[in-house]
Amino acid sequence: MLLSMIYLRLLFLIVLISISHLSDAKDNNNRLSLGVGQFNFMEDGTGPHNITSEVFNIELHSGKKMFNLIKPFAGFVGTTENAYYAYGGFGIDGYYGKRKNWLLTPAVACGYYKDGHEIKAGNPLEFYIGIDLFYRFRNNARLGFGIFHISNADSGYRNPGSETLILKYQIPLKK
């Protein structure tokens, strides 16, 4: 619970900082994001279900802003221990640097989680809170890391939560 509150406060601070760095950078194409990483790298949960596993990730990000601020996205995470998470949510791109080529993207989402051999979530409805740090190349492709926390917000019979660290590559899609 304490960890979830820390994540929420940190996300709120990052969103405020990102809003102050919004830009009209020509980065309004839809993007396909592919990633690999480590699921439950902080080994949350109770044994024997607190192991880590490799994870693959695919996301589709909209280039269109809602309310001139947030961009919707949908994604899927699968692990080598047969856990799956399909989700949808919103993110805010904050642009940094002289050429606006560094991006900080906080995001929130919710979705359906299927337990695998590792962490037992306690509820199929799980919430996602995370942040990505990207370098944006001249062709608008992005390379970076993302970290996110999945939790059921105490809506299940248990709430171990899980942290995931992912290396991501995002490809802009033609309009």
C-alpha atoms as a PDB file:
ATOM      1  CA  MET A   1       0.000   0.000   0.000  1.00  0.00           C
ATOM      2  CA  LEU A   2       2.815   2.415   0.893  1.00  0.00           C
ATOM      3  CA  LEU A   3       4.573   1.610  -2.378  1.00  0.00           C
ATOM      4  CA  SER A   4       1.368   2.341  -4.333  1.00  0.00           C
ATOM      5  CA  MET A   5       0.997   5.728  -2.625  1.00  0.00           C
ATOM      6  CA  ILE A   6       4.603   6.585  -3.452  1.00  0.00           C
ATOM      7  CA  TYR A   7       3.990   5.648  -7.100  1.00  0.00           C
ATOM      8  CA  LEU A   8       0.859   7.811  -7.246  1.00  0.00           C
ATOM      9  CA  ARG A   9       2.624  10.838  -5.793  1.00  0.00           C
ATOM     10  CA  LEU A  10       5.591  10.362  -8.069  1.00  0.00           C
ATOM     11  CA  LEU A  11       3.344  10.026 -11.130  1.00  0.00           C
ATOM     12  CA  PHE A  12       1.444  13.187 -10.167  1.00  0.00           C
ATOM     13  CA  LEU A  13       4.727  15.114  -9.893  1.00  0.00           C
ATOM     14  CA  ILE A  14       5.962  13.754 -13.228  1.00  0.00           C
ATOM     15  CA  VAL A  15       2.670  14.653 -14.940  1.00  0.00           C
ATOM     16  CA  LEU A  16       2.974  18.231 -13.673  1.00  0.00           C
ATOM     17  CA  ILE A  17       6.562  18.463 -14.909  1.00  0.00           C
ATOM     18  CA  SER A  18       5.603  16.912 -18.266  1.00  0.00           C
ATOM     19  CA  ILE A  19       2.738  19.353 -18.785  1.00  0.00           C
ATOM     20  CA  SER A  20       5.180  22.223 -18.353  1.00  0.00           C
ATOM     21  CA  HIS A  21       7.331  20.735 -21.146  1.00  0.00           C
ATOM     22  CA  LEU A  22       4.649  20.037 -23.733  1.00  0.00           C
ATOM     23  CA  SER A  23       5.725  20.915 -27.234  1.00  0.00           C
ATOM     24  CA  ASP A  24       4.343  21.187 -30.715  1.00  0.00           C
ATOM     25  CA  ALA A  25       7.052  18.815 -31.893  1.00  0.00           C
ATOM     26  CA  LYS A  26       6.077  17.049 -35.108  1.00  0.00           C
ATOM     27  CA  ASP A  27       5.450  13.742 -33.422  1.00  0.00           C
ATOM     28  CA  ASN A  28       1.797  13.061 -34.151  1.00  0.00           C
ATOM     29  CA  ASN A  29       1.945   9.686 -35.911  1.00  0.00           C
ATOM     30  CA  ASN A  30       0.589   6.504 -34.409  1.00  0.00           C
ATOM     31  CA  ARG A  31       3.406   4.353 -33.003  1.00  0.00           C
ATOM     32  CA  LEU A  32       4.020   0.639 -32.603  1.00  0.00           C
ATOM     33  CA  SER A  33       6.060  -0.178 -29.497  1.00  0.00           C
ATOM     34  CA  LEU A  34       7.962  -3.444 -29.049  1.00  0.00           C
ATOM     35  CA  GLY A  35       9.745  -4.338 -25.842  1.00  0.00           C
ATOM     36  CA  VAL A  36      11.511  -6.986 -23.789  1.00  0.00           C
ATOM     37  CA  GLY A  37      12.403  -6.940 -20.137  1.00  0.00           C
ATOM     38  CA  GLN A  38      11.962  -8.311 -16.644  1.00  0.00           C
ATOM     39  CA  PHE A  39       8.583  -8.929 -14.986  1.00  0.00           C
ATOM     40  CA  ASN A  40       8.298  -8.650 -11.183  1.00  0.00           C
ATOM     41  CA  PHE A  41      11.950  -7.617 -10.923  1.00  0.00           C
ATOM     42  CA  MET A  42      11.449  -6.506  -7.279  1.00  0.00           C
ATOM     43  CA  GLU A  43      10.159 -10.030  -6.475  1.00  0.00           C
ATOM     44  CA  ASP A  44       6.881  -8.917  -4.901  1.00  0.00           C
ATOM     45  CA  GLY A  45       4.380 -11.468  -3.638  1.00  0.00           C
ATOM     46  CA  THR A  46       4.707 -14.453  -1.374  1.00  0.00           C
ATOM     47  CA  GLY A  47       6.672 -17.574  -2.142  1.00  0.00           C
ATOM     48  CA  PRO A  48       6.687 -19.625  -4.220  1.00  0.00           C
ATOM     49  CA  HIS A  49       4.965 -17.055  -6.466  1.00  0.00           C
ATOM     50  CA  ASN A  50       7.430 -14.200  -6.087  1.00  0.00           C
ATOM     51  CA  ILE A  51       9.820 -15.150  -8.862  1.00  0.00           C
ATOM     52  CA  THR A  52      10.847 -12.962 -11.776  1.00  0.00           C
ATOM     53  CA  SER A  53      10.429 -13.831 -15.432  1.00  0.00           C
ATOM     54  CA  GLU A  54      11.224 -12.464 -18.850  1.00  0.00           C
ATOM     55  CA  VAL A  55       8.536 -10.359 -20.469  1.00  0.00           C
ATOM     56  CA  PHE A  56       7.636  -9.263 -23.972  1.00  0.00           C
ATOM     57  CA  ASN A  57       5.511  -6.208 -24.634  1.00  0.00           C
ATOM     58  CA  ILE A  58       3.637  -4.772 -27.586  1.00  0.00           C
ATOM     59  CA  GLU A  59       1.740  -1.478 -27.557  1.00  0.00           C
ATOM     60  CA  LEU A  60      -0.083   0.700 -30.052  1.00  0.00           C
ATOM     61  CA  HIS A  61       0.013   4.427 -29.285  1.00  0.00           C
ATOM     62  CA  SER A  62      -2.298   6.936 -30.910  1.00  0.00           C
ATOM     63  CA  GLY A  63      -0.807  10.066 -32.423  1.00  0.00           C
ATOM     64  CA  LYS A  64      -3.976  12.028 -31.727  1.00  0.00           C
ATOM     65  CA  LYS A  65      -4.312  13.954 -28.498  1.00  0.00           C
ATOM     66  CA  MET A  66      -7.455  14.008 -26.417  1.00  0.00           C
ATOM     67  CA  PHE A  67      -8.197  17.326 -24.705  1.00  0.00           C
ATOM     68  CA  ASN A  68      -5.048  18.621 -26.457  1.00  0.00           C
ATOM     69  CA  LEU A  69      -2.993  16.812 -23.821  1.00  0.00           C
ATOM     70  CA  ILE A  70      -3.255  13.023 -23.418  1.00  0.00           C
ATOM     71  CA  LYS A  71      -2.697  10.264 -25.963  1.00  0.00           C
ATOM     72  CA  PRO A  72      -4.497   6.903 -25.686  1.00  0.00           C
ATOM     73  CA  PHE A  73      -2.700   3.586 -26.031  1.00  0.00           C
ATOM     74  CA  ALA A  74      -3.394  -0.144 -25.786  1.00  0.00           C
ATOM     75  CA  GLY A  75      -0.951  -2.888 -24.950  1.00  0.00           C
ATOM     76  CA  PHE A  76      -0.240  -6.502 -24.154  1.00  0.00           C
ATOM     77  CA  VAL A  77       2.361  -8.069 -21.854  1.00  0.00           C
ATOM     78  CA  GLY A  78       3.239 -11.757 -21.777  1.00  0.00           C
ATOM     79  CA  THR A  79       5.779 -13.515 -19.574  1.00  0.00           C
ATOM     80  CA  THR A  80       7.807 -16.696 -19.868  1.00  0.00           C
ATOM     81  CA  GLU A  81       5.865 -17.959 -16.824  1.00  0.00           C
ATOM     82  CA  ASN A  82       2.488 -17.722 -18.624  1.00  0.00           C
ATOM     83  CA  ALA A  83       1.154 -14.499 -17.075  1.00  0.00           C
ATOM     84  CA  TYR A  84      -0.662 -12.168 -19.473  1.00  0.00           C
ATOM     85  CA  TYR A  85      -1.910  -8.603 -19.172  1.00  0.00           C
ATOM     86  CA  ALA A  86      -3.982  -6.727 -21.787  1.00  0.00           C
ATOM     87  CA  TYR A  87      -4.582  -3.068 -21.021  1.00  0.00           C
ATOM     88  CA  GLY A  88      -5.585   0.334 -22.323  1.00  0.00           C
ATOM     89  CA  GLY A  89      -4.901   3.811 -20.995  1.00  0.00           C
ATOM     90  CA  PHE A  90      -3.484   7.275 -21.512  1.00  0.00           C
ATOM     91  CA  GLY A  91      -0.065   8.907 -21.544  1.00  0.00           C
ATOM     92  CA  ILE A  92       1.372  12.419 -21.730  1.00  0.00           C
ATOM     93  CA  ASP A  93       4.537  13.116 -23.740  1.00  0.00           C
ATOM     94  CA  GLY A  94       6.881  15.680 -22.180  1.00  0.00           C
ATOM     95  CA  TYR A  95       9.657  16.872 -24.532  1.00  0.00           C
ATOM     96  CA  TYR A  96      13.080  17.918 -23.240  1.00  0.00           C
ATOM     97  CA  GLY A  97      16.397  19.086 -24.661  1.00  0.00           C
ATOM     98  CA  LYS A  98      17.288  21.723 -27.250  1.00  0.00           C
ATOM     99  CA  ARG A  99      15.905  19.617 -30.084  1.00  0.00           C
ATOM    100  CA  LYS A 100      13.057  18.167 -28.014  1.00  0.00           C
ATOM    101  CA  ASN A 101      14.540  14.697 -28.582  1.00  0.00           C
ATOM    102  CA  TRP A 102      14.269  13.416 -24.989  1.00  0.00           C
ATOM    103  CA  LEU A 103      10.817  12.324 -23.871  1.00  0.00           C
ATOM    104  CA  LEU A 104       9.387  11.515 -20.487  1.00  0.00           C
ATOM    105  CA  THR A 105       5.980   9.834 -20.767  1.00  0.00           C
ATOM    106  CA  PRO A 106       3.979   9.079 -17.624  1.00  0.00           C
ATOM    107  CA  ALA A 107       1.011   6.762 -18.233  1.00  0.00           C
ATOM    108  CA  VAL A 108      -1.959   5.161 -16.485  1.00  0.00           C
ATOM    109  CA  ALA A 109      -4.083   2.246 -17.682  1.00  0.00           C
ATOM    110  CA  CYS A 110      -6.266  -0.623 -16.558  1.00  0.00           C
ATOM    111  CA  GLY A 111      -6.849  -4.053 -17.982  1.00  0.00           C
ATOM    112  CA  TYR A 112      -7.262  -7.806 -17.607  1.00  0.00           C
ATOM    113  CA  TYR A 113      -4.529  -9.867 -15.914  1.00  0.00           C
ATOM    114  CA  LYS A 114      -4.223 -13.664 -16.073  1.00  0.00           C
ATOM    115  CA  ASP A 115      -2.065 -15.222 -13.361  1.00  0.00           C
ATOM    116  CA  GLY A 116       0.891 -17.287 -14.464  1.00  0.00           C
ATOM    117  CA  HIS A 117       3.369 -19.357 -12.475  1.00  0.00           C
ATOM    118  CA  GLU A 118       4.866 -16.333 -10.774  1.00  0.00           C
ATOM    119  CA  ILE A 119       2.974 -13.617  -8.889  1.00  0.00           C
ATOM    120  CA  LYS A 120      -0.688 -14.212  -7.977  1.00  0.00           C
ATOM    121  CA  ALA A 121      -2.453 -10.881  -8.399  1.00  0.00           C
ATOM    122  CA  GLY A 122      -5.647 -11.562  -6.467  1.00  0.00           C
ATOM    123  CA  ASN A 123      -7.983 -10.036  -9.062  1.00  0.00           C
ATOM    124  CA  PRO A 124      -8.150 -10.105 -12.874  1.00  0.00           C
ATOM    125  CA  LEU A 125      -8.774  -6.311 -12.961  1.00  0.00           C
ATOM    126  CA  GLU A 126      -5.373  -4.667 -12.597  1.00  0.00           C
ATOM    127  CA  PHE A 127      -4.270  -1.039 -12.797  1.00  0.00           C
ATOM    128  CA  TYR A 128      -1.091   0.177 -14.470  1.00  0.00           C
ATOM    129  CA  ILE A 129       0.993   3.201 -13.520  1.00  0.00           C
ATOM    130  CA  GLY A 130       4.281   3.785 -15.254  1.00  0.00           C
ATOM    131  CA  ILE A 131       6.765   6.041 -16.934  1.00  0.00           C
ATOM    132  CA  ASP A 132       8.922   5.780 -20.048  1.00  0.00           C
ATOM    133  CA  LEU A 133      12.143   7.644 -20.865  1.00  0.00           C
ATOM    134  CA  PHE A 134      12.912   7.782 -24.585  1.00  0.00           C
ATOM    135  CA  TYR A 135      15.425   9.234 -26.993  1.00  0.00           C
ATOM    136  CA  ARG A 136      13.634  10.309 -30.184  1.00  0.00           C
ATOM    137  CA  PHE A 137      15.603   9.998 -33.425  1.00  0.00           C
ATOM    138  CA  ARG A 138      15.203  12.281 -36.463  1.00  0.00           C
ATOM    139  CA  ASN A 139      12.800   9.802 -38.091  1.00  0.00           C
ATOM    140  CA  ASN A 140      10.655   9.964 -34.897  1.00  0.00           C
ATOM    141  CA  ALA A 141      11.547   6.396 -33.858  1.00  0.00           C
ATOM    142  CA  ARG A 142      12.082   6.141 -30.109  1.00  0.00           C
ATOM    143  CA  LEU A 143      14.401   3.992 -28.006  1.00  0.00           C
ATOM    144  CA  GLY A 144      14.205   3.875 -24.239  1.00  0.00           C
ATOM    145  CA  PHE A 145      13.220   2.214 -21.004  1.00  0.00           C
ATOM    146  CA  GLY A 146       9.898   1.910 -19.273  1.00  0.00           C
ATOM    147  CA  ILE A 147       9.064   0.956 -15.735  1.00  0.00           C
ATOM    148  CA  PHE A 148       5.555   0.266 -14.527  1.00  0.00           C
ATOM    149  CA  HIS A 149       3.662  -1.051 -11.542  1.00  0.00           C
ATOM    150  CA  ILE A 150       0.616  -3.322 -11.853  1.00  0.00           C
ATOM    151  CA  SER A 151      -1.755  -3.525  -8.899  1.00  0.00           C
ATOM    152  CA  ASN A 152      -5.404  -4.264  -8.195  1.00  0.00           C
ATOM    153  CA  ALA A 153      -5.590  -1.284  -5.782  1.00  0.00           C
ATOM    154  CA  ASP A 154      -6.756  -3.551  -2.939  1.00  0.00           C
ATOM    155  CA  SER A 155      -9.840  -4.671  -4.869  1.00  0.00           C
ATOM    156  CA  GLY A 156      -8.945  -8.363  -4.638  1.00  0.00           C
ATOM    157  CA  TYR A 157      -8.388 -10.914  -1.916  1.00  0.00           C
ATOM    158  CA  ARG A 158      -4.678 -10.022  -2.072  1.00  0.00           C
ATOM    159  CA  ASN A 159      -2.684  -7.196  -3.638  1.00  0.00           C
ATOM    160  CA  PRO A 160       0.988  -8.038  -4.091  1.00  0.00           C
ATOM    161  CA  GLY A 161       1.596  -5.689  -7.028  1.00  0.00           C
ATOM    162  CA  SER A 162       4.383  -6.151  -9.537  1.00  0.00           C
ATOM    163  CA  GLU A 163       7.063  -3.963 -11.121  1.00  0.00           C
ATOM    164  CA  THR A 164       8.217  -4.448 -14.687  1.00  0.00           C
ATOM    165  CA  LEU A 165      11.283  -2.980 -16.406  1.00  0.00           C
ATOM    166  CA  ILE A 166      11.242  -2.968 -20.221  1.00  0.00           C
ATOM    167  CA  LEU A 167      13.573  -1.875 -23.013  1.00  0.00           C
ATOM    168  CA  LYS A 168      11.298  -0.393 -25.704  1.00  0.00           C
ATOM    169  CA  TYR A 169      11.624   0.543 -29.357  1.00  0.00           C
ATOM    170  CA  GLN A 170       8.812   2.584 -30.875  1.00  0.00           C
ATOM    171  CA  ILE A 171       8.271   2.846 -34.613  1.00  0.00           C
ATOM    172  CA  PRO A 172       6.162   5.657 -36.099  1.00  0.00           C
ATOM    173  CA  LEU A 173       3.425   4.369 -38.405  1.00  0.00           C
ATOM    174  CA  LYS A 174       2.510   6.116 -41.645  1.00  0.00           C
ATOM    175  CA  LYS A 175      -0.761   7.999 -41.696  1.00  0.00           C
END
